[in-house]
C-alpha atoms as a PDB file:
ATOM      1  CA  MET A   1       0.066  -0.133  -0.290  1.00  0.00           C
ATOM      2  CA  ARG A   2       1.468   3.774  -0.624  1.00  0.00           C
ATOM      3  CA  TYR A   3       0.342   6.658   1.156  1.00  0.00           C
ATOM      4  CA  LEU A   4       0.256  10.344   0.874  1.00  0.00           C
ATOM      5  CA  ILE A   5       0.092  13.039   3.344  1.00  0.00           C
ATOM      6  CA  ALA A   6      -1.196  15.688   0.938  1.00  0.00           C
ATOM      7  CA  GLY A   7      -0.560  18.598   2.847  1.00  0.00           C
ATOM      8  CA  ALA A   8       2.282  17.488   5.572  1.00  0.00           C
ATOM      9  CA  GLY A   9       1.541  20.558   8.442  1.00  0.00           C
ATOM     10  CA  ALA A  10       1.490  19.892  12.091  1.00  0.00           C
ATOM     11  CA  ILE A  11      -1.414  16.813  11.446  1.00  0.00           C
ATOM     12  CA  GLY A  12      -0.556  15.691   8.751  1.00  0.00           C
ATOM     13  CA  ALA A  13       4.024  15.345   9.271  1.00  0.00           C
ATOM     14  CA  TYR A  14       2.706  13.696  12.479  1.00  0.00           C
ATOM     15  CA  ILE A  15       1.034  10.865  10.888  1.00  0.00           C
ATOM     16  CA  GLY A  16       3.089  10.673   8.084  1.00  0.00           C
ATOM     17  CA  ALA A  17       6.535  10.266  10.490  1.00  0.00           C
ATOM     18  CA  ARG A  18       4.359   7.950  12.840  1.00  0.00           C
ATOM     19  CA  MET A  19       3.434   6.186   9.412  1.00  0.00           C
ATOM     20  CA  ALA A  20       7.252   5.977   8.366  1.00  0.00           C
ATOM     21  CA  GLN A  21       8.469   4.760  11.860  1.00  0.00           C
ATOM     22  CA  ALA A  22       6.397   1.828  11.486  1.00  0.00           C
ATOM     23  CA  GLY A  23       7.549   0.839   8.412  1.00  0.00           C
ATOM     24  CA  PHE A  24       4.841   2.180   5.813  1.00  0.00           C
ATOM     25  CA  ASP A  25       5.369   3.463   2.566  1.00  0.00           C
ATOM     26  CA  VAL A  26       4.603   7.061   2.753  1.00  0.00           C
ATOM     27  CA  THR A  27       5.028   9.991   0.960  1.00  0.00           C
ATOM     28  CA  LEU A  28       4.724  14.000   2.603  1.00  0.00           C
ATOM     29  CA  PHE A  29       3.788  16.571   0.324  1.00  0.00           C
ATOM     30  CA  ALA A  30       4.559  19.964   1.510  1.00  0.00           C
ATOM     31  CA  ARG A  31       6.215  23.247   0.482  1.00  0.00           C
ATOM     32  CA  GLY A  32       8.171  26.272   1.686  1.00  0.00           C
ATOM     33  CA  PRO A  33      10.678  26.299   4.373  1.00  0.00           C
ATOM     34  CA  HIS A  34       8.930  22.959   5.876  1.00  0.00           C
ATOM     35  CA  LEU A  35       9.707  21.237   2.950  1.00  0.00           C
ATOM     36  CA  ARG A  36      13.293  21.822   2.557  1.00  0.00           C
ATOM     37  CA  ALA A  37      13.835  20.946   5.904  1.00  0.00           C
ATOM     38  CA  MET A  38      12.119  17.780   6.073  1.00  0.00           C
ATOM     39  CA  GLN A  39      13.722  16.897   2.852  1.00  0.00           C
ATOM     40  CA  GLU A  40      17.350  17.552   4.972  1.00  0.00           C
ATOM     41  CA  HIS A  41      16.722  16.315   8.238  1.00  0.00           C
ATOM     42  CA  GLY A  42      13.677  14.079   7.945  1.00  0.00           C
ATOM     43  CA  VAL A  43      10.542  14.817  10.246  1.00  0.00           C
ATOM     44  CA  ARG A  44      11.559  15.384  13.825  1.00  0.00           C
ATOM     45  CA  VAL A  45       8.733  14.730  16.356  1.00  0.00           C
ATOM     46  CA  LYS A  46       9.230  15.896  19.994  1.00  0.00           C
ATOM     47  CA  SER A  47       6.480  14.283  22.392  1.00  0.00           C
ATOM     48  CA  ALA A  48       5.784  13.297  26.228  1.00  0.00           C
ATOM     49  CA  GLU A  49       5.769   9.650  24.724  1.00  0.00           C
ATOM     50  CA  GLY A  50       9.324  10.003  23.215  1.00  0.00           C
ATOM     51  CA  ASP A  51      10.999  12.098  20.488  1.00  0.00           C
ATOM     52  CA  PHE A  52      12.000  10.448  17.145  1.00  0.00           C
ATOM     53  CA  LEU A  53      13.487  10.884  13.787  1.00  0.00           C
ATOM     54  CA  ALA A  54      11.488   9.996  10.953  1.00  0.00           C
ATOM     55  CA  ARG A  55      12.370   9.809   7.418  1.00  0.00           C
ATOM     56  CA  PRO A  56       9.361   9.473   5.129  1.00  0.00           C
ATOM     57  CA  THR A  57       9.677  10.221   1.313  1.00  0.00           C
ATOM     58  CA  ILE A  58       8.985  14.303   1.188  1.00  0.00           C
ATOM     59  CA  THR A  59       8.212  15.873  -2.346  1.00  0.00           C
ATOM     60  CA  GLY A  60       6.988  19.010  -3.188  1.00  0.00           C
ATOM     61  CA  SER A  61       5.519  17.552  -6.484  1.00  0.00           C
ATOM     62  CA  MET A  62       2.432  15.495  -6.935  1.00  0.00           C
ATOM     63  CA  GLU A  63       3.467  14.706 -10.477  1.00  0.00           C
ATOM     64  CA  GLU A  64       6.754  13.189  -9.089  1.00  0.00           C
ATOM     65  CA  ILE A  65       4.365  10.780  -6.790  1.00  0.00           C
ATOM     66  CA  GLY A  66       1.789   9.178  -9.006  1.00  0.00           C
ATOM     67  CA  PRO A  67      -1.296   7.099  -8.287  1.00  0.00           C
ATOM     68  CA  VAL A  68      -0.854   6.345  -4.508  1.00  0.00           C
ATOM     69  CA  ASP A  69      -3.777   3.821  -2.412  1.00  0.00           C
ATOM     70  CA  VAL A  70      -4.447   6.224   0.187  1.00  0.00           C
ATOM     71  CA  VAL A  71      -4.680   9.983   0.366  1.00  0.00           C
ATOM     72  CA  PHE A  72      -5.238  11.755   3.303  1.00  0.00           C
ATOM     73  CA  LEU A  73      -5.941  15.434   3.381  1.00  0.00           C
ATOM     74  CA  GLY A  74      -3.538  17.411   5.789  1.00  0.00           C
ATOM     75  CA  VAL A  75      -4.261  20.502   5.229  1.00  0.00           C
ATOM     76  CA  LYS A  76      -7.483  22.854   6.991  1.00  0.00           C
ATOM     77  CA  ALA A  77     -10.388  23.270   5.579  1.00  0.00           C
ATOM     78  CA  HIS A  78      -9.529  26.738   4.012  1.00  0.00           C
ATOM     79  CA  GLY A  79      -6.899  25.265   2.189  1.00  0.00           C
ATOM     80  CA  LEU A  80      -8.641  22.411   0.271  1.00  0.00           C
ATOM     81  CA  PRO A  81     -10.074  24.316  -2.727  1.00  0.00           C
ATOM     82  CA  GLN A  82      -6.526  25.321  -3.821  1.00  0.00           C
ATOM     83  CA  LEU A  83      -5.286  21.791  -2.758  1.00  0.00           C
ATOM     84  CA  ALA A  84      -8.057  20.009  -4.695  1.00  0.00           C
ATOM     85  CA  PRO A  85      -7.179  20.525  -8.351  1.00  0.00           C
ATOM     86  CA  HIS A  86      -3.531  19.394  -7.895  1.00  0.00           C
ATOM     87  CA  LEU A  87      -4.561  16.041  -6.543  1.00  0.00           C
ATOM     88  CA  LYS A  88      -5.247  14.350 -10.061  1.00  0.00           C
ATOM     89  CA  PRO A  89      -1.838  12.740 -10.666  1.00  0.00           C
ATOM     90  CA  VAL A  90      -2.384  10.730  -7.790  1.00  0.00           C
ATOM     91  CA  LEU A  91      -5.972   9.516  -7.814  1.00  0.00           C
ATOM     92  CA  GLY A  92      -6.051   6.411  -9.600  1.00  0.00           C
ATOM     93  CA  PRO A  93      -9.238   4.443 -10.152  1.00  0.00           C
ATOM     94  CA  ASP A  94      -9.392   2.795  -6.780  1.00  0.00           C
ATOM     95  CA  THR A  95      -7.717   5.444  -4.587  1.00  0.00           C
ATOM     96  CA  THR A  96      -8.989   6.467  -1.462  1.00  0.00           C
ATOM     97  CA  VAL A  97      -9.030   9.894   0.384  1.00  0.00           C
ATOM     98  CA  VAL A  98      -9.747  10.347   4.024  1.00  0.00           C
ATOM     99  CA  SER A  99     -10.362  13.726   5.482  1.00  0.00           C
ATOM    100  CA  THR A 100      -9.037  14.615   8.631  1.00  0.00           C
ATOM    101  CA  GLN A 101     -10.330  18.328   8.479  1.00  0.00           C
ATOM    102  CA  ASN A 102     -12.313  20.203  11.036  1.00  0.00           C
ATOM    103  CA  GLY A 103     -15.875  21.398  11.062  1.00  0.00           C
ATOM    104  CA  ILE A 104     -18.693  20.458   8.279  1.00  0.00           C
ATOM    105  CA  PRO A 105     -16.433  18.262   5.788  1.00  0.00           C
ATOM    106  CA  TRP A 106     -17.525  19.123   1.809  1.00  0.00           C
ATOM    107  CA  TRP A 107     -18.607  15.642   1.537  1.00  0.00           C
ATOM    108  CA  TYR A 108     -21.262  15.679   4.462  1.00  0.00           C
ATOM    109  CA  PHE A 109     -24.196  15.266   2.342  1.00  0.00           C
ATOM    110  CA  HIS A 110     -23.086  13.197  -0.262  1.00  0.00           C
ATOM    111  CA  GLY A 111     -25.186  10.188   0.429  1.00  0.00           C
ATOM    112  CA  PHE A 112     -27.359  11.951   3.074  1.00  0.00           C
ATOM    113  CA  GLY A 113     -30.787  11.231   1.310  1.00  0.00           C
ATOM    114  CA  GLY A 114     -33.908  12.658   2.113  1.00  0.00           C
ATOM    115  CA  GLU A 115     -34.062  16.194   1.023  1.00  0.00           C
ATOM    116  CA  TRP A 116     -30.678  17.947   1.874  1.00  0.00           C
ATOM    117  CA  ASP A 117     -29.114  14.862  -0.206  1.00  0.00           C
ATOM    118  CA  GLY A 118     -26.328  15.875  -2.114  1.00  0.00           C
ATOM    119  CA  LEU A 119     -26.172  19.753  -1.048  1.00  0.00           C
ATOM    120  CA  ARG A 120     -22.932  21.548  -1.213  1.00  0.00           C
ATOM    121  CA  LEU A 121     -21.828  24.498   0.965  1.00  0.00           C
ATOM    122  CA  GLU A 122     -20.409  27.385  -0.736  1.00  0.00           C
ATOM    123  CA  ARG A 123     -18.632  28.429   2.267  1.00  0.00           C
ATOM    124  CA  VAL A 124     -17.071  24.651   2.243  1.00  0.00           C
ATOM    125  CA  ASP A 125     -17.099  23.672  -1.090  1.00  0.00           C
ATOM    126  CA  PRO A 126     -17.019  27.197  -3.230  1.00  0.00           C
ATOM    127  CA  GLY A 127     -18.471  26.282  -6.610  1.00  0.00           C
ATOM    128  CA  GLY A 128     -17.928  22.540  -6.234  1.00  0.00           C
ATOM    129  CA  VAL A 129     -14.283  22.754  -6.625  1.00  0.00           C
ATOM    130  CA  ILE A 130     -13.650  20.156  -4.494  1.00  0.00           C
ATOM    131  CA  SER A 131     -16.359  17.656  -5.096  1.00  0.00           C
ATOM    132  CA  SER A 132     -15.311  18.178  -9.071  1.00  0.00           C
ATOM    133  CA  VAL A 133     -12.170  16.209  -8.406  1.00  0.00           C
ATOM    134  CA  ILE A 134     -12.631  13.872  -5.309  1.00  0.00           C
ATOM    135  CA  GLU A 135     -15.816  11.849  -5.848  1.00  0.00           C
ATOM    136  CA  ALA A 136     -18.163  11.244  -3.208  1.00  0.00           C
ATOM    137  CA  ARG A 137     -16.980   7.060  -3.372  1.00  0.00           C
ATOM    138  CA  ARG A 138     -13.243   7.739  -2.698  1.00  0.00           C
ATOM    139  CA  VAL A 139     -13.828   9.511   0.699  1.00  0.00           C
ATOM    140  CA  VAL A 140     -13.257   7.542   4.669  1.00  0.00           C
ATOM    141  CA  GLY A 141     -13.934  10.690   6.926  1.00  0.00           C
ATOM    142  CA  SER A 142     -12.056  11.004   9.969  1.00  0.00           C
ATOM    143  CA  ILE A 143     -12.359  13.197  13.111  1.00  0.00           C
ATOM    144  CA  VAL A 144      -8.843  14.022  14.413  1.00  0.00           C
ATOM    145  CA  TYR A 145      -8.428  14.244  18.646  1.00  0.00           C
ATOM    146  CA  PHE A 146      -4.761  15.356  18.962  1.00  0.00           C
ATOM    147  CA  ALA A 147      -2.916  18.258  18.882  1.00  0.00           C
ATOM    148  CA  THR A 148       0.181  19.096  17.364  1.00  0.00           C
ATOM    149  CA  GLU A 149       2.112  22.404  16.262  1.00  0.00           C
ATOM    150  CA  ILE A 150       5.279  22.777  13.746  1.00  0.00           C
ATOM    151  CA  THR A 151       7.815  24.476  16.244  1.00  0.00           C
ATOM    152  CA  ALA A 152      10.270  24.962  13.521  1.00  0.00           C
ATOM    153  CA  PRO A 153      10.378  23.493   9.920  1.00  0.00           C
ATOM    154  CA  GLY A 154      10.747  20.148  10.309  1.00  0.00           C
ATOM    155  CA  VAL A 155      10.048  19.637  13.599  1.00  0.00           C
ATOM    156  CA  ILE A 156       6.678  18.738  14.953  1.00  0.00           C
ATOM    157  CA  GLN A 157       5.496  18.872  18.558  1.00  0.00           C
ATOM    158  CA  HIS A 158       3.255  16.137  19.520  1.00  0.00           C
ATOM    159  CA  ILE A 159       1.063  18.355  22.699  1.00  0.00           C
ATOM    160  CA  GLU A 160      -1.560  15.728  23.554  1.00  0.00           C
ATOM    161  CA  GLY A 161      -4.183  12.896  22.266  1.00  0.00           C
ATOM    162  CA  ASN A 162      -3.691  10.080  20.112  1.00  0.00           C
ATOM    163  CA  ARG A 163      -7.387   9.457  18.950  1.00  0.00           C
ATOM    164  CA  PHE A 164      -7.815   9.346  15.405  1.00  0.00           C
ATOM    165  CA  THR A 165     -11.634   8.323  14.365  1.00  0.00           C
ATOM    166  CA  LEU A 166     -12.271   6.770  11.334  1.00  0.00           C
ATOM    167  CA  GLY A 167     -15.724   6.422   9.367  1.00  0.00           C
ATOM    168  CA  GLU A 168     -17.605   5.242   6.152  1.00  0.00           C
ATOM    169  CA  PRO A 169     -20.158   8.196   5.737  1.00  0.00           C
ATOM    170  CA  ASP A 170     -22.998   5.478   4.729  1.00  0.00           C
ATOM    171  CA  GLY A 171     -21.493   4.023   8.819  1.00  0.00           C
ATOM    172  CA  SER A 172     -20.714   0.755   7.476  1.00  0.00           C
ATOM    173  CA  ARG A 173     -17.868  -1.344   8.483  1.00  0.00           C
ATOM    174  CA  SER A 174     -16.024  -1.963   5.252  1.00  0.00           C
ATOM    175  CA  GLU A 175     -12.686  -3.911   4.615  1.00  0.00           C
ATOM    176  CA  ARG A 176     -10.958  -0.508   3.296  1.00  0.00           C
ATOM    177  CA  VAL A 177     -11.786   1.370   6.448  1.00  0.00           C
ATOM    178  CA  ARG A 178     -10.549  -1.880   8.455  1.00  0.00           C
ATOM    179  CA  GLN A 179      -7.554  -1.734   6.770  1.00  0.00           C
ATOM    180  CA  LEU A 180      -6.773   1.779   7.336  1.00  0.00           C
ATOM    181  CA  ALA A 181      -7.815   1.541  11.009  1.00  0.00           C
ATOM    182  CA  GLU A 182      -5.134  -1.556  11.533  1.00  0.00           C
ATOM    183  CA  ALA A 183      -2.021   0.646   9.582  1.00  0.00           C
ATOM    184  CA  LEU A 184      -2.581   3.512  11.853  1.00  0.00           C
ATOM    185  CA  ILE A 185      -2.932   1.176  15.098  1.00  0.00           C
ATOM    186  CA  ALA A 186       0.080   0.022  14.299  1.00  0.00           C
ATOM    187  CA  SER A 187       1.684   3.060  13.575  1.00  0.00           C
ATOM    188  CA  GLY A 188       1.081   4.019  17.240  1.00  0.00           C
ATOM    189  CA  LEU A 189      -2.133   5.889  17.307  1.00  0.00           C
ATOM    190  CA  ARG A 190      -5.907   4.812  18.553  1.00  0.00           C
ATOM    191  CA  CYS A 191      -8.093   4.337  15.585  1.00  0.00           C
ATOM    192  CA  PRO A 192     -11.794   3.375  16.671  1.00  0.00           C
ATOM    193  CA  ILE A 193     -14.331   3.064  13.877  1.00  0.00           C
ATOM    194  CA  SER A 194     -17.333   5.028  13.698  1.00  0.00           C
ATOM    195  CA  THR A 195     -20.319   3.736  12.579  1.00  0.00           C
ATOM    196  CA  ARG A 196     -21.938   7.439  13.346  1.00  0.00           C
ATOM    197  CA  LEU A 197     -19.459   9.670  11.931  1.00  0.00           C
ATOM    198  CA  ARG A 198     -21.521  12.222  11.094  1.00  0.00           C
ATOM    199  CA  HIS A 199     -23.149  12.881  14.781  1.00  0.00           C
ATOM    200  CA  GLU A 200     -19.498  12.851  16.018  1.00  0.00           C
ATOM    201  CA  ILE A 201     -18.349  15.473  13.646  1.00  0.00           C
ATOM    202  CA  TRP A 202     -21.694  17.809  15.418  1.00  0.00           C
ATOM    203  CA  VAL A 203     -20.622  16.699  18.635  1.00  0.00           C
ATOM    204  CA  LYS A 204     -17.114  18.107  17.831  1.00  0.00           C
ATOM    205  CA  LEU A 205     -18.678  21.241  16.253  1.00  0.00           C
ATOM    206  CA  LEU A 206     -20.523  22.003  19.206  1.00  0.00           C
ATOM    207  CA  GLY A 207     -17.204  23.475  20.825  1.00  0.00           C
ATOM    208  CA  ASN A 208     -15.517  24.366  17.481  1.00  0.00           C
ATOM    209  CA  ALA A 209     -18.384  26.672  16.311  1.00  0.00           C
ATOM    210  CA  SER A 210     -18.291  28.233  19.904  1.00  0.00           C
ATOM    211  CA  LEU A 211     -15.228  28.461  21.501  1.00  0.00           C
ATOM    212  CA  ASN A 212     -12.881  28.804  18.483  1.00  0.00           C
ATOM    213  CA  PRO A 213     -14.216  32.006  17.221  1.00  0.00           C
ATOM    214  CA  VAL A 214     -15.008  33.301  20.932  1.00  0.00           C
ATOM    215  CA  SER A 215     -11.298  33.148  21.766  1.00  0.00           C
ATOM    216  CA  ALA A 216     -10.112  34.953  18.691  1.00  0.00           C
ATOM    217  CA  LEU A 217     -12.489  37.887  19.745  1.00  0.00           C
ATOM    218  CA  THR A 218     -11.452  37.516  23.679  1.00  0.00           C
ATOM    219  CA  ARG A 219      -7.590  35.857  23.436  1.00  0.00           C
ATOM    220  CA  ALA A 220      -8.843  34.138  26.399  1.00  0.00           C
ATOM    221  CA  THR A 221      -8.181  30.363  27.078  1.00  0.00           C
ATOM    222  CA  ILE A 222     -10.870  27.533  27.097  1.00  0.00           C
ATOM    223  CA  VAL A 223     -11.026  27.900  30.833  1.00  0.00           C
ATOM    224  CA  GLN A 224     -11.143  31.214  30.974  1.00  0.00           C
ATOM    225  CA  MET A 225     -13.996  31.299  28.582  1.00  0.00           C
ATOM    226  CA  VAL A 226     -16.269  29.047  30.642  1.00  0.00           C
ATOM    227  CA  HIS A 227     -15.637  30.713  33.902  1.00  0.00           C
ATOM    228  CA  ASP A 228     -16.421  33.749  32.425  1.00  0.00           C
ATOM    229  CA  PRO A 229     -20.461  33.835  33.307  1.00  0.00           C
ATOM    230  CA  GLY A 230     -21.342  36.446  30.539  1.00  0.00           C
ATOM    231  CA  VAL A 231     -18.759  34.732  28.058  1.00  0.00           C
ATOM    232  CA  CYS A 232     -19.756  31.102  28.799  1.00  0.00           C
ATOM    233  CA  SER A 233     -23.642  32.433  28.388  1.00  0.00           C
ATOM    234  CA  VAL A 234     -22.936  33.322  24.778  1.00  0.00           C
ATOM    235  CA  ILE A 235     -20.679  29.965  24.410  1.00  0.00           C
ATOM    236  CA  ARG A 236     -24.043  28.235  25.476  1.00  0.00           C
ATOM    237  CA  ASN A 237     -26.319  30.349  22.829  1.00  0.00           C
ATOM    238  CA  ILE A 238     -23.930  29.349  19.800  1.00  0.00           C
ATOM    239  CA  MET A 239     -23.857  25.484  21.068  1.00  0.00           C
ATOM    240  CA  GLN A 240     -27.662  25.662  21.578  1.00  0.00           C
ATOM    241  CA  GLU A 241     -28.069  27.170  17.905  1.00  0.00           C
ATOM    242  CA  VAL A 242     -25.712  24.294  16.282  1.00  0.00           C
ATOM    243  CA  GLU A 243     -27.623  21.439  18.428  1.00  0.00           C
ATOM    244  CA  ALA A 244     -30.615  23.049  16.763  1.00  0.00           C
ATOM    245  CA  VAL A 245     -29.035  22.993  13.530  1.00  0.00           C
ATOM    246  CA  SER A 246     -28.215  19.304  13.980  1.00  0.00           C
ATOM    247  CA  HIS A 247     -31.755  18.430  15.179  1.00  0.00           C
ATOM    248  CA  LYS A 248     -32.762  19.596  11.996  1.00  0.00           C
ATOM    249  CA  LEU A 249     -30.788  17.123   9.814  1.00  0.00           C
ATOM    250  CA  GLY A 250     -32.511  14.399  12.262  1.00  0.00           C
ATOM    251  CA  MET A 251     -29.162  14.299  14.414  1.00  0.00           C
ATOM    252  CA  GLU A 252     -29.904  13.151  17.778  1.00  0.00           C
ATOM    253  CA  LEU A 253     -26.559  14.074  20.085  1.00  0.00           C
ATOM    254  CA  PRO A 254     -24.961  11.668  22.154  1.00  0.00           C
ATOM    255  CA  ILE A 255     -23.758  14.477  24.694  1.00  0.00           C
ATOM    256  CA  SER A 256     -25.850  17.418  26.599  1.00  0.00           C
ATOM    257  CA  ILE A 257     -24.347  20.614  26.208  1.00  0.00           C
ATOM    258  CA  ASP A 258     -23.765  20.736  29.736  1.00  0.00           C
ATOM    259  CA  GLN A 259     -21.435  17.977  29.204  1.00  0.00           C
ATOM    260  CA  ARG A 260     -20.156  19.263  26.338  1.00  0.00           C
ATOM    261  CA  ILE A 261     -18.894  22.884  28.568  1.00  0.00           C
ATOM    262  CA  ALA A 262     -17.807  20.456  31.565  1.00  0.00           C
ATOM    263  CA  GLY A 263     -15.788  18.691  28.970  1.00  0.00           C
ATOM    264  CA  ALA A 264     -14.319  21.752  27.765  1.00  0.00           C
ATOM    265  CA  GLU A 265     -13.478  22.895  31.059  1.00  0.00           C
ATOM    266  CA  LYS A 266     -11.386  20.196  31.847  1.00  0.00           C
ATOM    267  CA  VAL A 267      -9.058  21.111  28.857  1.00  0.00           C
ATOM    268  CA  GLY A 268      -7.754  23.782  30.803  1.00  0.00           C
ATOM    269  CA  GLU A 269      -5.343  26.751  30.316  1.00  0.00           C
ATOM    270  CA  HIS A 270      -4.971  25.965  26.514  1.00  0.00           C
ATOM    271  CA  LYS A 271      -5.459  28.470  23.538  1.00  0.00           C
ATOM    272  CA  THR A 272      -7.887  26.994  20.520  1.00  0.00           C
ATOM    273  CA  SER A 273      -6.146  26.487  17.083  1.00  0.00           C
ATOM    274  CA  MET A 274      -8.082  29.684  16.026  1.00  0.00           C
ATOM    275  CA  LEU A 275      -6.736  31.970  18.681  1.00  0.00           C
ATOM    276  CA  GLN A 276      -3.115  29.775  17.804  1.00  0.00           C
ATOM    277  CA  ASP A 277      -3.960  30.783  13.874  1.00  0.00           C
ATOM    278  CA  LEU A 278      -4.530  34.168  14.704  1.00  0.00           C
ATOM    279  CA  GLU A 279      -1.897  35.128  16.654  1.00  0.00           C
ATOM    280  CA  ALA A 280       0.751  33.368  14.446  1.00  0.00           C
ATOM    281  CA  GLY A 281      -0.610  35.239  11.301  1.00  0.00           C
ATOM    282  CA  ARG A 282      -2.090  32.302   9.636  1.00  0.00           C
ATOM    283  CA  PRO A 283      -5.996  31.785   8.218  1.00  0.00           C
ATOM    284  CA  MET A 284      -8.115  30.983  10.956  1.00  0.00           C
ATOM    285  CA  GLU A 285     -10.687  27.793   9.985  1.00  0.00           C
ATOM    286  CA  LEU A 286     -13.751  30.516  10.271  1.00  0.00           C
ATOM    287  CA  GLU A 287     -15.416  29.117   7.239  1.00  0.00           C
ATOM    288  CA  ALA A 288     -15.721  25.661   7.925  1.00  0.00           C
ATOM    289  CA  LEU A 289     -16.337  25.798  11.548  1.00  0.00           C
ATOM    290  CA  VAL A 290     -18.722  28.525  11.633  1.00  0.00           C
ATOM    291  CA  GLY A 291     -19.779  29.991   8.315  1.00  0.00           C
ATOM    292  CA  ALA A 292     -20.756  26.668   7.009  1.00  0.00           C
ATOM    293  CA  VAL A 293     -23.189  26.261   9.994  1.00  0.00           C
ATOM    294  CA  VAL A 294     -24.511  29.798   9.429  1.00  0.00           C
ATOM    295  CA  GLU A 295     -25.284  28.774   5.911  1.00  0.00           C
ATOM    296  CA  LEU A 296     -26.696  25.443   6.755  1.00  0.00           C
ATOM    297  CA  GLY A 297     -28.717  27.093   9.351  1.00  0.00           C
ATOM    298  CA  GLU A 298     -30.102  29.487   6.359  1.00  0.00           C
ATOM    299  CA  ARG A 299     -30.784  26.333   4.719  1.00  0.00           C
ATOM    300  CA  VAL A 300     -32.699  24.418   6.930  1.00  0.00           C
ATOM    301  CA  GLY A 301     -34.751  27.433   8.438  1.00  0.00           C
ATOM    302  CA  VAL A 302     -32.644  27.689  11.989  1.00  0.00           C
ATOM    303  CA  PRO A 303     -32.467  31.428  12.855  1.00  0.00           C
ATOM    304  CA  MET A 304     -28.853  31.514  14.616  1.00  0.00           C
ATOM    305  CA  PRO A 305     -28.532  35.237  15.828  1.00  0.00           C
ATOM    306  CA  THR A 306     -25.440  34.621  18.646  1.00  0.00           C
ATOM    307  CA  THR A 307     -23.552  32.553  15.816  1.00  0.00           C
ATOM    308  CA  ARG A 308     -24.336  34.746  13.202  1.00  0.00           C
ATOM    309  CA  THR A 309     -23.086  37.779  15.186  1.00  0.00           C
ATOM    310  CA  VAL A 310     -20.032  36.237  16.550  1.00  0.00           C
ATOM    311  CA  TYR A 311     -18.909  34.904  12.961  1.00  0.00           C
ATOM    312  CA  HIS A 312     -19.470  38.407  11.636  1.00  0.00           C
ATOM    313  CA  CYS A 313     -17.023  39.805  14.050  1.00  0.00           C
ATOM    314  CA  ALA A 314     -14.631  37.362  14.178  1.00  0.00           C
ATOM    315  CA  ARG A 315     -14.674  37.561  10.157  1.00  0.00           C
ATOM    316  CA  LEU A 316     -13.904  41.070  10.186  1.00  0.00           C
ATOM    317  CA  LEU A 317     -11.353  40.594  12.979  1.00  0.00           C
ATOM    318  CA  ALA A 318      -9.635  38.170  10.162  1.00  0.00           C
ATOM    319  CA  GLN A 319      -9.813  40.477   7.610  1.00  0.00           C
ATOM    320  CA  SER A 320      -8.192  43.339   9.464  1.00  0.00           C
ATOM    321  CA  ALA A 321      -5.490  40.929  10.466  1.00  0.00           C
ATOM    322  CA  SER A 322      -5.127  39.608   6.992  1.00  0.00           C
ATOM    323  CA  THR A 323      -4.586  43.250   5.685  1.00  0.00           C
ATOM    324  CA  ARG A 324      -2.369  44.029   8.750  1.00  0.00           C
ATOM    325  CA  LEU A 325       0.038  41.783   7.272  1.00  0.00           C
ATOM    326  CA  ALA A 326       0.121  42.478   4.206  1.00  0.00           C
ATOM    327  CA  ASN A 327       0.639  46.159   4.729  1.00  0.00           C
ATOM    328  CA  ARG A 328       3.672  44.678   6.998  1.00  0.00           C
ATOM    329  CA  ALA A 329       4.624  42.636   3.882  1.00  0.00           C
ATOM    330  CA  GLN A 330       4.800  45.457   1.670  1.00  0.00           C
END
């Protein structure tokens, strides 16, 4: 089996390094200083579980790779529209594509059934650029439950967690998903197979759609937000609106909002990924985590006043940050 990590950032490079260390044939696709550092020195992983150096194949050209058996999409959701057209050289007739993005994935409504079957969200898949390249039959979904970051080009810091949940969009326990899980388990990851992945996506989205944008606006850690009564009320309102959208789609979530907030509190003095991106001058995952939910609320007829307000404030913040960075670069 040949594996490709398309977008070997913090998450992708960590997965690729784990797989390479376990002896799998894996190639990492990257760009810029990170690419050059990995080509010269390999992928250096630092972790409380033990530091290690892996030397998978590293490339900056999809054409050099050729067709592979499995592609892991390692970029964040807002990077997929740019990446997708470049994937054509690596997609063979039976190539499986594993999505790892947060938020509502572009494939979510493929095979969904009912009135929403085939729905495309513009904020996730603008113009259908992703779905036109990656056919629905190729997709295996996943939810990443670990935190990593690039501390220097070619250096990955593993912060916490190792769970990587896989699931077929149709809920089946297919042979391909079992083989994928076995490979990831052999690489040192916890890899349960979910038959209700769409439900799990909404559980994670309860926190992502609320905690992330509010943290970017307040610059607060998760525990600071949860402990502030006024801010926690805003977070709770967003979670209630997100839950209402999920119910419209027939998703009964296996966790209450109180439980979700309590779980967030246990994370402690941790900055959300959106706040980390803002502070590092990187684009924020705003559309996939929040904008797509607002768009979906409009489609299914659920008012989302709190979510919409926070979304528009966070979007202006992102635009202002982008303008400041552009001005500094001139």
